[in-house]
């Protein structure tokens, strides 16, 4: 039945969502777009979640961690504590541990990935 409706176009109820079929030649017979009852495309919610997570990781978590680690890091390499990785903070060299450096890098990296996923969802939602 979905196949027949999708070829003809129109709409059908599906739980809490309304399914709108786009009868276009460039899409396959079983492709359809799910629209919530509020009229918002279903991909908007995950898109906003990834946007908030990405912005928070990239512009809040990563700089906060970096500021905390730089404030408490020694200015000379300390092999006993593991602070051996040099980090230049505006002309002042401090030494971070491998875990600190990886955590700051991971927060930045996951923030960039989340923003990339948000962009892909945005493109897919409004195609």
PDB file of N, CA and C in Angstrom:
ATOM      1  N   UNK A   1       0.815  -1.188   0.000  1.00  0.00           N
ATOM      2  CA  UNK A   1       0.000   0.000   0.000  1.00  0.00           C
ATOM      3  C   UNK A   1       0.866   1.262   0.000  1.00  0.00           C
ATOM      4  N   UNK A   2       1.953   1.229   0.744  1.00  0.00           N
ATOM      5  CA  UNK A   2       2.841   2.388   0.769  1.00  0.00           C
ATOM      6  C   UNK A   2       3.401   2.640  -0.618  1.00  0.00           C
ATOM      7  N   UNK A   3       3.711   1.574  -1.319  1.00  0.00           N
ATOM      8  CA  UNK A   3       4.264   1.688  -2.654  1.00  0.00           C
ATOM      9  C   UNK A   3       3.269   2.390  -3.579  1.00  0.00           C
ATOM     10  N   UNK A   4       2.003   1.978  -3.518  1.00  0.00           N
ATOM     11  CA  UNK A   4       0.991   2.583  -4.380  1.00  0.00           C
ATOM     12  C   UNK A   4       0.745   4.040  -4.017  1.00  0.00           C
ATOM     13  N   UNK A   5       0.701   4.336  -2.707  1.00  0.00           N
ATOM     14  CA  UNK A   5       0.463   5.716  -2.282  1.00  0.00           C
ATOM     15  C   UNK A   5       1.646   6.594  -2.674  1.00  0.00           C
ATOM     16  N   UNK A   6       2.866   6.072  -2.515  1.00  0.00           N
ATOM     17  CA  UNK A   6       4.032   6.893  -2.809  1.00  0.00           C
ATOM     18  C   UNK A   6       4.124   7.216  -4.294  1.00  0.00           C
ATOM     19  N   UNK A   7       3.639   6.343  -5.131  1.00  0.00           N
ATOM     20  CA  UNK A   7       3.664   6.657  -6.561  1.00  0.00           C
ATOM     21  C   UNK A   7       2.605   7.684  -6.929  1.00  0.00           C
ATOM     22  N   UNK A   8       1.511   7.679  -6.203  1.00  0.00           N
ATOM     23  CA  UNK A   8       0.436   8.610  -6.506  1.00  0.00           C
ATOM     24  C   UNK A   8       0.609   9.952  -5.803  1.00  0.00           C
ATOM     25  N   UNK A   9       1.390   9.966  -4.739  1.00  0.00           N
ATOM     26  CA  UNK A   9       1.532  11.183  -3.954  1.00  0.00           C
ATOM     27  C   UNK A   9       0.473  11.212  -2.878  1.00  0.00           C
ATOM     28  N   UNK A  10       0.437  12.275  -2.105  1.00  0.00           N
ATOM     29  CA  UNK A  10      -0.561  12.397  -1.060  1.00  0.00           C
ATOM     30  C   UNK A  10       0.046  12.205   0.309  1.00  0.00           C
ATOM     31  N   UNK A  11      -0.808  11.963   1.310  1.00  0.00           N
ATOM     32  CA  UNK A  11      -0.338  11.827   2.684  1.00  0.00           C
ATOM     33  C   UNK A  11      -1.050  10.662   3.337  1.00  0.00           C
ATOM     34  N   UNK A  12      -0.407  10.093   4.347  1.00  0.00           N
ATOM     35  CA  UNK A  12      -1.004   8.999   5.103  1.00  0.00           C
ATOM     36  C   UNK A  12      -0.603   9.162   6.552  1.00  0.00           C
ATOM     37  N   UNK A  13      -1.456   8.739   7.487  1.00  0.00           N
ATOM     38  CA  UNK A  13      -1.125   8.832   8.900  1.00  0.00           C
ATOM     39  C   UNK A  13      -0.184   7.718   9.305  1.00  0.00           C
ATOM     40  N   UNK A  14       0.715   8.015  10.249  1.00  0.00           N
ATOM     41  CA  UNK A  14       1.674   7.007  10.686  1.00  0.00           C
ATOM     42  C   UNK A  14       2.050   7.324  12.130  1.00  0.00           C
ATOM     43  N   UNK A  15       1.297   6.828  13.108  1.00  0.00           N
ATOM     44  CA  UNK A  15       1.559   7.105  14.513  1.00  0.00           C
ATOM     45  C   UNK A  15       1.374   8.581  14.812  1.00  0.00           C
ATOM     46  N   UNK A  16       2.372   9.201  15.437  1.00  0.00           N
ATOM     47  CA  UNK A  16       2.316  10.622  15.755  1.00  0.00           C
ATOM     48  C   UNK A  16       2.843  11.497  14.628  1.00  0.00           C
ATOM     49  N   UNK A  17       3.285  10.874  13.566  1.00  0.00           N
ATOM     50  CA  UNK A  17       3.851  11.639  12.469  1.00  0.00           C
ATOM     51  C   UNK A  17       2.934  11.564  11.263  1.00  0.00           C
ATOM     52  N   UNK A  18       3.083  12.512  10.403  1.00  0.00           N
ATOM     53  CA  UNK A  18       2.346  12.516   9.156  1.00  0.00           C
ATOM     54  C   UNK A  18       3.362  12.285   8.045  1.00  0.00           C
ATOM     55  N   UNK A  19       3.098  11.291   7.234  1.00  0.00           N
ATOM     56  CA  UNK A  19       4.039  10.953   6.181  1.00  0.00           C
ATOM     57  C   UNK A  19       3.593  11.639   4.904  1.00  0.00           C
ATOM     58  N   UNK A  20       4.478  12.430   4.347  1.00  0.00           N
ATOM     59  CA  UNK A  20       4.180  13.094   3.086  1.00  0.00           C
ATOM     60  C   UNK A  20       5.021  12.443   2.002  1.00  0.00           C
ATOM     61  N   UNK A  21       4.366  12.013   0.998  1.00  0.00           N
ATOM     62  CA  UNK A  21       5.068  11.383  -0.105  1.00  0.00           C
ATOM     63  C   UNK A  21       5.298  12.407  -1.194  1.00  0.00           C
ATOM     64  N   UNK A  22       6.513  12.415  -1.715  1.00  0.00           N
ATOM     65  CA  UNK A  22       6.850  13.356  -2.771  1.00  0.00           C
ATOM     66  C   UNK A  22       6.888  12.616  -4.103  1.00  0.00           C
ATOM     67  N   UNK A  23       5.896  12.783  -4.932  1.00  0.00           N
ATOM     68  CA  UNK A  23       5.906  12.087  -6.215  1.00  0.00           C
ATOM     69  C   UNK A  23       6.795  12.805  -7.222  1.00  0.00           C
ATOM     70  N   UNK A  24       8.087  12.530  -7.146  1.00  0.00           N
ATOM     71  CA  UNK A  24       9.032  13.148  -8.063  1.00  0.00           C
ATOM     72  C   UNK A  24       9.771  12.047  -8.800  1.00  0.00           C
ATOM     73  N   UNK A  25      10.240  12.367  -9.958  1.00  0.00           N
ATOM     74  CA  UNK A  25      10.918  11.368 -10.775  1.00  0.00           C
ATOM     75  C   UNK A  25      12.305  11.042 -10.240  1.00  0.00           C
ATOM     76  N   UNK A  26      12.921  11.942  -9.477  1.00  0.00           N
ATOM     77  CA  UNK A  26      14.293  11.727  -9.041  1.00  0.00           C
ATOM     78  C   UNK A  26      14.411  10.881  -7.783  1.00  0.00           C
ATOM     79  N   UNK A  27      13.302  10.521  -7.135  1.00  0.00           N
ATOM     80  CA  UNK A  27      13.384   9.677  -5.951  1.00  0.00           C
ATOM     81  C   UNK A  27      12.763   8.329  -6.251  1.00  0.00           C
ATOM     82  N   UNK A  28      13.169   7.333  -5.478  1.00  0.00           N
ATOM     83  CA  UNK A  28      12.644   5.986  -5.669  1.00  0.00           C
ATOM     84  C   UNK A  28      11.213   5.873  -5.182  1.00  0.00           C
ATOM     85  N   UNK A  29      10.545   4.764  -5.477  1.00  0.00           N
ATOM     86  CA  UNK A  29       9.135   4.615  -5.126  1.00  0.00           C
ATOM     87  C   UNK A  29       8.886   4.501  -3.624  1.00  0.00           C
ATOM     88  N   UNK A  30       9.883   4.094  -2.834  1.00  0.00           N
ATOM     89  CA  UNK A  30       9.661   3.905  -1.396  1.00  0.00           C
ATOM     90  C   UNK A  30      10.257   5.013  -0.551  1.00  0.00           C
ATOM     91  N   UNK A  31      10.764   6.060  -1.148  1.00  0.00           N
ATOM     92  CA  UNK A  31      11.326   7.159  -0.371  1.00  0.00           C
ATOM     93  C   UNK A  31      10.231   8.153  -0.028  1.00  0.00           C
ATOM     94  N   UNK A  32      10.207   8.560   1.232  1.00  0.00           N
ATOM     95  CA  UNK A  32       9.215   9.525   1.668  1.00  0.00           C
ATOM     96  C   UNK A  32       9.807  10.389   2.752  1.00  0.00           C
ATOM     97  N   UNK A  33       9.146  11.474   3.056  1.00  0.00           N
ATOM     98  CA  UNK A  33       9.619  12.437   4.046  1.00  0.00           C
ATOM     99  C   UNK A  33       8.669  12.411   5.235  1.00  0.00           C
ATOM    100  N   UNK A  34       9.202  12.217   6.430  1.00  0.00           N
ATOM    101  CA  UNK A  34       8.385  12.182   7.633  1.00  0.00           C
ATOM    102  C   UNK A  34       8.321  13.588   8.212  1.00  0.00           C
ATOM    103  N   UNK A  35       7.117  14.067   8.473  1.00  0.00           N
ATOM    104  CA  UNK A  35       6.900  15.392   9.044  1.00  0.00           C
ATOM    105  C   UNK A  35       6.080  15.214  10.312  1.00  0.00           C
ATOM    106  N   UNK A  36       6.543  15.787  11.425  1.00  0.00           N
ATOM    107  CA  UNK A  36       5.809  15.685  12.683  1.00  0.00           C
ATOM    108  C   UNK A  36       4.489  16.440  12.560  1.00  0.00           C
ATOM    109  N   UNK A  37       3.567  16.188  13.492  1.00  0.00           N
ATOM    110  CA  UNK A  37       2.272  16.864  13.439  1.00  0.00           C
ATOM    111  C   UNK A  37       2.402  18.372  13.578  1.00  0.00           C
ATOM    112  N   UNK A  38       3.509  18.837  14.136  1.00  0.00           N
ATOM    113  CA  UNK A  38       3.707  20.277  14.274  1.00  0.00           C
ATOM    114  C   UNK A  38       4.146  20.912  12.956  1.00  0.00           C
ATOM    115  N   UNK A  39       4.455  20.098  11.967  1.00  0.00           N
ATOM    116  CA  UNK A  39       4.912  20.620  10.687  1.00  0.00           C
ATOM    117  C   UNK A  39       6.416  20.726  10.594  1.00  0.00           C
ATOM    118  N   UNK A  40       7.140  20.300  11.630  1.00  0.00           N
ATOM    119  CA  UNK A  40       8.593  20.366  11.644  1.00  0.00           C
ATOM    120  C   UNK A  40       9.137  19.053  11.085  1.00  0.00           C
ATOM    121  N   UNK A  41      10.054  19.097  10.136  1.00  0.00           N
ATOM    122  CA  UNK A  41      10.633  17.851   9.632  1.00  0.00           C
ATOM    123  C   UNK A  41      11.292  17.057  10.766  1.00  0.00           C
ATOM    124  N   UNK A  42      11.236  15.738  10.658  1.00  0.00           N
ATOM    125  CA  UNK A  42      11.707  14.865  11.736  1.00  0.00           C
ATOM    126  C   UNK A  42      13.196  15.005  12.005  1.00  0.00           C
ATOM    127  N   UNK A  43      13.989  15.465  11.067  1.00  0.00           N
ATOM    128  CA  UNK A  43      15.429  15.586  11.268  1.00  0.00           C
ATOM    129  C   UNK A  43      15.835  16.853  12.003  1.00  0.00           C
ATOM    130  N   UNK A  44      14.897  17.742  12.282  1.00  0.00           N
ATOM    131  CA  UNK A  44      15.240  19.000  12.945  1.00  0.00           C
ATOM    132  C   UNK A  44      15.674  18.758  14.386  1.00  0.00           C
ATOM    133  N   UNK A  45      15.012  17.846  15.088  1.00  0.00           N
ATOM    134  CA  UNK A  45      15.360  17.589  16.493  1.00  0.00           C
ATOM    135  C   UNK A  45      16.783  17.035  16.619  1.00  0.00           C
ATOM    136  N   UNK A  46      17.164  15.969  15.868  1.00  0.00           N
ATOM    137  CA  UNK A  46      18.560  15.528  15.965  1.00  0.00           C
ATOM    138  C   UNK A  46      19.547  16.583  15.481  1.00  0.00           C
ATOM    139  N   UNK A  47      19.133  17.383  14.503  1.00  0.00           N
ATOM    140  CA  UNK A  47      20.015  18.427  13.998  1.00  0.00           C
ATOM    141  C   UNK A  47      20.294  19.472  15.082  1.00  0.00           C
ATOM    142  N   UNK A  48      19.265  19.889  15.803  1.00  0.00           N
ATOM    143  CA  UNK A  48      19.459  20.861  16.879  1.00  0.00           C
ATOM    144  C   UNK A  48      20.275  20.273  18.022  1.00  0.00           C
ATOM    145  N   UNK A  49      20.057  18.986  18.327  1.00  0.00           N
ATOM    146  CA  UNK A  49      20.842  18.340  19.389  1.00  0.00           C
ATOM    147  C   UNK A  49      22.318  18.306  19.032  1.00  0.00           C
ATOM    148  N   UNK A  50      22.648  17.914  17.795  1.00  0.00           N
ATOM    149  CA  UNK A  50      24.057  17.873  17.409  1.00  0.00           C
ATOM    150  C   UNK A  50      24.649  19.271  17.334  1.00  0.00           C
ATOM    151  N   UNK A  51      23.841  20.263  16.964  1.00  0.00           N
ATOM    152  CA  UNK A  51      24.337  21.640  16.937  1.00  0.00           C
ATOM    153  C   UNK A  51      24.695  22.114  18.346  1.00  0.00           C
ATOM    154  N   UNK A  52      23.811  21.879  19.305  1.00  0.00           N
ATOM    155  CA  UNK A  52      24.063  22.307  20.689  1.00  0.00           C
ATOM    156  C   UNK A  52      25.269  21.566  21.269  1.00  0.00           C
ATOM    157  N   UNK A  53      25.340  20.256  21.029  1.00  0.00           N
ATOM    158  CA  UNK A  53      26.469  19.470  21.543  1.00  0.00           C
ATOM    159  C   UNK A  53      27.772  19.939  20.914  1.00  0.00           C
ATOM    160  N   UNK A  54      27.775  20.156  19.606  1.00  0.00           N
ATOM    161  CA  UNK A  54      28.987  20.592  18.913  1.00  0.00           C
ATOM    162  C   UNK A  54      29.469  21.948  19.384  1.00  0.00           C
ATOM    163  N   UNK A  55      28.556  22.893  19.500  1.00  0.00           N
ATOM    164  CA  UNK A  55      28.934  24.240  19.954  1.00  0.00           C
ATOM    165  C   UNK A  55      29.429  24.191  21.398  1.00  0.00           C
ATOM    166  N   UNK A  56      28.756  23.419  22.236  1.00  0.00           N
ATOM    167  CA  UNK A  56      29.168  23.318  23.640  1.00  0.00           C
ATOM    168  C   UNK A  56      30.561  22.700  23.762  1.00  0.00           C
ATOM    169  N   UNK A  57      30.816  21.623  23.036  1.00  0.00           N
ATOM    170  CA  UNK A  57      32.131  20.987  23.110  1.00  0.00           C
ATOM    171  C   UNK A  57      33.226  21.890  22.569  1.00  0.00           C
ATOM    172  N   UNK A  58      32.948  22.528  21.457  1.00  0.00           N
ATOM    173  CA  UNK A  58      33.981  23.304  20.785  1.00  0.00           C
ATOM    174  C   UNK A  58      34.258  24.649  21.448  1.00  0.00           C
ATOM    175  N   UNK A  59      33.205  25.318  21.924  1.00  0.00           N
ATOM    176  CA  UNK A  59      33.387  26.685  22.424  1.00  0.00           C
ATOM    177  C   UNK A  59      33.251  26.841  23.935  1.00  0.00           C
ATOM    178  N   UNK A  60      32.863  25.772  24.654  1.00  0.00           N
ATOM    179  CA  UNK A  60      32.745  25.865  26.112  1.00  0.00           C
ATOM    180  C   UNK A  60      33.661  24.853  26.798  1.00  0.00           C
ATOM    181  N   UNK A  61      33.472  23.576  26.483  1.00  0.00           N
ATOM    182  CA  UNK A  61      34.202  22.523  27.197  1.00  0.00           C
ATOM    183  C   UNK A  61      35.697  22.574  26.901  1.00  0.00           C
ATOM    184  N   UNK A  62      36.065  22.612  25.624  1.00  0.00           N
ATOM    185  CA  UNK A  62      37.486  22.591  25.261  1.00  0.00           C
ATOM    186  C   UNK A  62      38.253  23.796  25.819  1.00  0.00           C
ATOM    187  N   UNK A  63      37.778  25.046  25.663  1.00  0.00           N
ATOM    188  CA  UNK A  63      38.524  26.165  26.246  1.00  0.00           C
ATOM    189  C   UNK A  63      38.559  26.143  27.771  1.00  0.00           C
ATOM    190  N   UNK A  64      37.484  25.658  28.401  1.00  0.00           N
ATOM    191  CA  UNK A  64      37.473  25.583  29.866  1.00  0.00           C
ATOM    192  C   UNK A  64      38.490  24.576  30.368  1.00  0.00           C
ATOM    193  N   UNK A  65      38.533  23.403  29.729  1.00  0.00           N
ATOM    194  CA  UNK A  65      39.531  22.399  30.114  1.00  0.00           C
ATOM    195  C   UNK A  65      40.944  22.923  29.894  1.00  0.00           C
ATOM    196  N   UNK A  66      41.154  23.560  28.742  1.00  0.00           N
ATOM    197  CA  UNK A  66      42.488  24.073  28.439  1.00  0.00           C
ATOM    198  C   UNK A  66      42.914  25.128  29.447  1.00  0.00           C
ATOM    199  N   UNK A  67      42.017  26.037  29.805  1.00  0.00           N
ATOM    200  CA  UNK A  67      42.359  27.068  30.793  1.00  0.00           C
ATOM    201  C   UNK A  67      42.665  26.452  32.147  1.00  0.00           C
ATOM    202  N   UNK A  68      41.894  25.430  32.536  1.00  0.00           N
ATOM    203  CA  UNK A  68      42.128  24.760  33.816  1.00  0.00           C
ATOM    204  C   UNK A  68      43.476  24.046  33.820  1.00  0.00           C
ATOM    205  N   UNK A  69      43.773  23.356  32.719  1.00  0.00           N
ATOM    206  CA  UNK A  69      45.034  22.606  32.653  1.00  0.00           C
ATOM    207  C   UNK A  69      46.239  23.534  32.559  1.00  0.00           C
ATOM    208  N   UNK A  70      46.132  24.619  31.799  1.00  0.00           N
ATOM    209  CA  UNK A  70      47.260  25.548  31.656  1.00  0.00           C
ATOM    210  C   UNK A  70      47.538  26.262  32.975  1.00  0.00           C
ATOM    211  N   UNK A  71      46.496  26.586  33.723  1.00  0.00           N
ATOM    212  CA  UNK A  71      46.688  27.285  35.001  1.00  0.00           C
ATOM    213  C   UNK A  71      47.417  26.415  36.027  1.00  0.00           C
ATOM    214  N   UNK A  72      47.218  25.110  35.947  1.00  0.00           N
ATOM    215  CA  UNK A  72      47.837  24.233  36.944  1.00  0.00           C
ATOM    216  C   UNK A  72      49.050  23.477  36.414  1.00  0.00           C
ATOM    217  N   UNK A  73      49.430  23.701  35.161  1.00  0.00           N
ATOM    218  CA  UNK A  73      50.540  22.955  34.563  1.00  0.00           C
ATOM    219  C   UNK A  73      51.887  23.564  34.965  1.00  0.00           C
ATOM    220  N   UNK A  74      52.899  22.715  35.124  1.00  0.00           N
ATOM    221  CA  UNK A  74      54.239  23.245  35.460  1.00  0.00           C
ATOM    222  C   UNK A  74      54.888  23.896  34.239  1.00  0.00           C
ATOM    223  N   UNK A  75      55.786  24.840  34.500  1.00  0.00           N
ATOM    224  CA  UNK A  75      56.495  25.533  33.419  1.00  0.00           C
ATOM    225  C   UNK A  75      57.780  24.823  33.028  1.00  0.00           C
ATOM    226  N   UNK A  76      58.094  23.763  33.709  1.00  0.00           N
ATOM    227  CA  UNK A  76      59.246  22.926  33.354  1.00  0.00           C
ATOM    228  C   UNK A  76      58.760  21.482  33.278  1.00  0.00           C
ATOM    229  N   UNK A  77      59.347  20.715  32.376  1.00  0.00           N
ATOM    230  CA  UNK A  77      58.946  19.324  32.209  1.00  0.00           C
ATOM    231  C   UNK A  77      59.149  18.547  33.514  1.00  0.00           C
ATOM    232  N   UNK A  78      58.144  17.784  33.887  1.00  0.00           N
ATOM    233  CA  UNK A  78      58.191  16.992  35.110  1.00  0.00           C
ATOM    234  C   UNK A  78      57.895  15.540  34.738  1.00  0.00           C
ATOM    235  N   UNK A  79      58.954  14.755  34.606  1.00  0.00           N
ATOM    236  CA  UNK A  79      58.813  13.366  34.161  1.00  0.00           C
ATOM    237  C   UNK A  79      58.082  12.531  35.203  1.00  0.00           C
ATOM    238  N   UNK A  80      58.271  12.817  36.456  1.00  0.00           N
ATOM    239  CA  UNK A  80      57.647  12.022  37.518  1.00  0.00           C
ATOM    240  C   UNK A  80      56.116  12.119  37.475  1.00  0.00           C
ATOM    241  N   UNK A  81      55.583  13.280  37.167  1.00  0.00           N
ATOM    242  CA  UNK A  81      54.127  13.435  37.115  1.00  0.00           C
ATOM    243  C   UNK A  81      53.561  13.221  35.707  1.00  0.00           C
ATOM    244  N   UNK A  82      54.408  13.086  34.711  1.00  0.00           N
ATOM    245  CA  UNK A  82      53.953  12.847  33.345  1.00  0.00           C
ATOM    246  C   UNK A  82      53.702  14.100  32.541  1.00  0.00           C
ATOM    247  N   UNK A  83      54.007  15.267  33.085  1.00  0.00           N
ATOM    248  CA  UNK A  83      53.821  16.531  32.367  1.00  0.00           C
ATOM    249  C   UNK A  83      55.054  16.788  31.495  1.00  0.00           C
ATOM    250  N   UNK A  84      55.066  16.176  30.312  1.00  0.00           N
ATOM    251  CA  UNK A  84      56.242  16.272  29.440  1.00  0.00           C
ATOM    252  C   UNK A  84      55.911  16.813  28.054  1.00  0.00           C
ATOM    253  N   UNK A  85      54.649  17.080  27.746  1.00  0.00           N
ATOM    254  CA  UNK A  85      54.264  17.561  26.425  1.00  0.00           C
ATOM    255  C   UNK A  85      54.145  19.080  26.451  1.00  0.00           C
ATOM    256  N   UNK A  86      55.040  19.744  25.697  1.00  0.00           N
ATOM    257  CA  UNK A  86      55.093  21.204  25.688  1.00  0.00           C
ATOM    258  C   UNK A  86      53.859  21.779  24.986  1.00  0.00           C
ATOM    259  N   UNK A  87      53.320  22.844  25.568  1.00  0.00           N
ATOM    260  CA  UNK A  87      52.176  23.560  24.997  1.00  0.00           C
ATOM    261  C   UNK A  87      52.444  25.046  25.142  1.00  0.00           C
ATOM    262  N   UNK A  88      52.444  25.753  24.026  1.00  0.00           N
ATOM    263  CA  UNK A  88      52.734  27.186  24.020  1.00  0.00           C
ATOM    264  C   UNK A  88      51.424  27.958  24.150  1.00  0.00           C
ATOM    265  N   UNK A  89      51.242  28.610  25.274  1.00  0.00           N
ATOM    266  CA  UNK A  89      50.038  29.392  25.528  1.00  0.00           C
ATOM    267  C   UNK A  89      50.413  30.866  25.488  1.00  0.00           C
ATOM    268  N   UNK A  90      50.273  31.494  24.310  1.00  0.00           N
ATOM    269  CA  UNK A  90      50.571  32.912  24.109  1.00  0.00           C
ATOM    270  C   UNK A  90      51.973  33.286  24.598  1.00  0.00           C
ATOM    271  N   UNK A  91      52.938  32.499  24.193  1.00  0.00           N
ATOM    272  CA  UNK A  91      54.328  32.788  24.519  1.00  0.00           C
ATOM    273  C   UNK A  91      54.832  32.156  25.802  1.00  0.00           C
ATOM    274  N   UNK A  92      53.957  31.605  26.603  1.00  0.00           N
ATOM    275  CA  UNK A  92      54.362  30.931  27.841  1.00  0.00           C
ATOM    276  C   UNK A  92      54.268  29.429  27.598  1.00  0.00           C
ATOM    277  N   UNK A  93      55.384  28.740  27.746  1.00  0.00           N
ATOM    278  CA  UNK A  93      55.395  27.294  27.520  1.00  0.00           C
ATOM    279  C   UNK A  93      55.088  26.589  28.834  1.00  0.00           C
ATOM    280  N   UNK A  94      54.052  25.768  28.803  1.00  0.00           N
ATOM    281  CA  UNK A  94      53.699  24.922  29.940  1.00  0.00           C
ATOM    282  C   UNK A  94      53.726  23.484  29.451  1.00  0.00           C
ATOM    283  N   UNK A  95      53.774  22.563  30.380  1.00  0.00           N
ATOM    284  CA  UNK A  95      53.868  21.147  30.042  1.00  0.00           C
ATOM    285  C   UNK A  95      52.626  20.413  30.529  1.00  0.00           C
ATOM    286  N   UNK A  96      51.927  19.789  29.585  1.00  0.00           N
ATOM    287  CA  UNK A  96      50.718  19.034  29.884  1.00  0.00           C
ATOM    288  C   UNK A  96      51.021  17.540  29.875  1.00  0.00           C
ATOM    289  N   UNK A  97      50.189  16.792  30.569  1.00  0.00           N
ATOM    290  CA  UNK A  97      50.321  15.334  30.502  1.00  0.00           C
ATOM    291  C   UNK A  97      49.622  14.845  29.242  1.00  0.00           C
ATOM    292  N   UNK A  98      49.873  13.596  28.890  1.00  0.00           N
ATOM    293  CA  UNK A  98      49.263  13.023  27.692  1.00  0.00           C
ATOM    294  C   UNK A  98      47.739  12.978  27.827  1.00  0.00           C
ATOM    295  N   UNK A  99      47.228  12.637  28.991  1.00  0.00           N
ATOM    296  CA  UNK A  99      45.783  12.557  29.208  1.00  0.00           C
ATOM    297  C   UNK A  99      45.129  13.929  29.059  1.00  0.00           C
ATOM    298  N   UNK A 100      45.756  14.961  29.602  1.00  0.00           N
ATOM    299  CA  UNK A 100      45.206  16.314  29.483  1.00  0.00           C
ATOM    300  C   UNK A 100      45.174  16.767  28.026  1.00  0.00           C
ATOM    301  N   UNK A 101      46.262  16.506  27.329  1.00  0.00           N
ATOM    302  CA  UNK A 101      46.348  16.902  25.928  1.00  0.00           C
ATOM    303  C   UNK A 101      45.318  16.148  25.085  1.00  0.00           C
ATOM    304  N   UNK A 102      45.152  14.852  25.332  1.00  0.00           N
ATOM    305  CA  UNK A 102      44.170  14.060  24.587  1.00  0.00           C
ATOM    306  C   UNK A 102      42.739  14.480  24.892  1.00  0.00           C
ATOM    307  N   UNK A 103      42.455  14.826  26.144  1.00  0.00           N
ATOM    308  CA  UNK A 103      41.099  15.226  26.517  1.00  0.00           C
ATOM    309  C   UNK A 103      40.690  16.537  25.852  1.00  0.00           C
ATOM    310  N   UNK A 104      41.592  17.494  25.825  1.00  0.00           N
ATOM    311  CA  UNK A 104      41.303  18.770  25.154  1.00  0.00           C
ATOM    312  C   UNK A 104      41.144  18.546  23.647  1.00  0.00           C
ATOM    313  N   UNK A 105      42.002  17.750  23.074  1.00  0.00           N
ATOM    314  CA  UNK A 105      41.914  17.445  21.646  1.00  0.00           C
ATOM    315  C   UNK A 105      40.654  16.670  21.297  1.00  0.00           C
ATOM    316  N   UNK A 106      40.260  15.725  22.167  1.00  0.00           N
ATOM    317  CA  UNK A 106      39.050  14.938  21.922  1.00  0.00           C
ATOM    318  C   UNK A 106      37.804  15.813  22.002  1.00  0.00           C
ATOM    319  N   UNK A 107      37.761  16.734  22.959  1.00  0.00           N
ATOM    320  CA  UNK A 107      36.607  17.632  23.068  1.00  0.00           C
ATOM    321  C   UNK A 107      36.482  18.495  21.814  1.00  0.00           C
ATOM    322  N   UNK A 108      37.589  19.009  21.341  1.00  0.00           N
ATOM    323  CA  UNK A 108      37.563  19.817  20.111  1.00  0.00           C
ATOM    324  C   UNK A 108      37.183  18.965  18.905  1.00  0.00           C
ATOM    325  N   UNK A 109      37.762  17.784  18.813  1.00  0.00           N
ATOM    326  CA  UNK A 109      37.482  16.905  17.680  1.00  0.00           C
ATOM    327  C   UNK A 109      36.039  16.452  17.631  1.00  0.00           C
ATOM    328  N   UNK A 110      35.495  16.036  18.779  1.00  0.00           N
ATOM    329  CA  UNK A 110      34.093  15.612  18.808  1.00  0.00           C
ATOM    330  C   UNK A 110      33.152  16.789  18.540  1.00  0.00           C
ATOM    331  N   UNK A 111      33.539  17.989  18.948  1.00  0.00           N
ATOM    332  CA  UNK A 111      32.734  19.172  18.635  1.00  0.00           C
ATOM    333  C   UNK A 111      32.676  19.433  17.141  1.00  0.00           C
ATOM    334  N   UNK A 112      33.808  19.289  16.466  1.00  0.00           N
ATOM    335  CA  UNK A 112      33.848  19.481  15.017  1.00  0.00           C
ATOM    336  C   UNK A 112      33.041  18.397  14.308  1.00  0.00           C
ATOM    337  N   UNK A 113      33.159  17.151  14.777  1.00  0.00           N
ATOM    338  CA  UNK A 113      32.385  16.059  14.183  1.00  0.00           C
ATOM    339  C   UNK A 113      30.887  16.286  14.382  1.00  0.00           C
ATOM    340  N   UNK A 114      30.487  16.721  15.570  1.00  0.00           N
ATOM    341  CA  UNK A 114      29.059  16.976  15.831  1.00  0.00           C
ATOM    342  C   UNK A 114      28.527  18.091  14.939  1.00  0.00           C
ATOM    343  N   UNK A 115      29.309  19.130  14.712  1.00  0.00           N
ATOM    344  CA  UNK A 115      28.876  20.196  13.804  1.00  0.00           C
ATOM    345  C   UNK A 115      28.804  19.696  12.361  1.00  0.00           C
ATOM    346  N   UNK A 116      29.706  18.796  11.991  1.00  0.00           N
ATOM    347  CA  UNK A 116      29.642  18.193  10.661  1.00  0.00           C
ATOM    348  C   UNK A 116      28.395  17.339  10.479  1.00  0.00           C
ATOM    349  N   UNK A 117      28.051  16.559  11.509  1.00  0.00           N
ATOM    350  CA  UNK A 117      26.825  15.754  11.460  1.00  0.00           C
ATOM    351  C   UNK A 117      25.604  16.665  11.381  1.00  0.00           C
ATOM    352  N   UNK A 118      25.633  17.749  12.117  1.00  0.00           N
ATOM    353  CA  UNK A 118      24.534  18.727  12.060  1.00  0.00           C
ATOM    354  C   UNK A 118      24.386  19.279  10.648  1.00  0.00           C
ATOM    355  N   UNK A 119      25.483  19.599  10.009  1.00  0.00           N
ATOM    356  CA  UNK A 119      25.437  20.098   8.637  1.00  0.00           C
ATOM    357  C   UNK A 119      24.879  19.070   7.666  1.00  0.00           C
ATOM    358  N   UNK A 120      25.261  17.804   7.844  1.00  0.00           N
ATOM    359  CA  UNK A 120      24.728  16.753   6.975  1.00  0.00           C
ATOM    360  C   UNK A 120      23.233  16.566   7.197  1.00  0.00           C
ATOM    361  N   UNK A 121      22.791  16.615   8.456  1.00  0.00           N
ATOM    362  CA  UNK A 121      21.352  16.506   8.731  1.00  0.00           C
ATOM    363  C   UNK A 121      20.584  17.698   8.172  1.00  0.00           C
ATOM    364  N   UNK A 122      21.177  18.872   8.258  1.00  0.00           N
ATOM    365  CA  UNK A 122      20.542  20.075   7.698  1.00  0.00           C
ATOM    366  C   UNK A 122      20.373  19.940   6.190  1.00  0.00           C
ATOM    367  N   UNK A 123      21.409  19.454   5.551  1.00  0.00           N
ATOM    368  CA  UNK A 123      21.336  19.259   4.101  1.00  0.00           C
ATOM    369  C   UNK A 123      20.294  18.223   3.727  1.00  0.00           C
ATOM    370  N   UNK A 124      20.237  17.136   4.509  1.00  0.00           N
ATOM    371  CA  UNK A 124      19.280  16.071   4.220  1.00  0.00           C
ATOM    372  C   UNK A 124      17.842  16.515   4.522  1.00  0.00           C
ATOM    373  N   UNK A 125      17.638  17.308   5.566  1.00  0.00           N
ATOM    374  CA  UNK A 125      16.291  17.724   5.953  1.00  0.00           C
ATOM    375  C   UNK A 125      15.681  18.698   4.959  1.00  0.00           C
ATOM    376  N   UNK A 126      16.485  19.555   4.384  1.00  0.00           N
ATOM    377  CA  UNK A 126      15.944  20.599   3.517  1.00  0.00           C
ATOM    378  C   UNK A 126      16.379  20.434   2.069  1.00  0.00           C
ATOM    379  N   UNK A 127      16.509  19.231   1.646  1.00  0.00           N
ATOM    380  CA  UNK A 127      16.875  18.940   0.260  1.00  0.00           C
ATOM    381  C   UNK A 127      15.702  19.038  -0.636  1.00  0.00           C
TER     382      UNK A 127
END
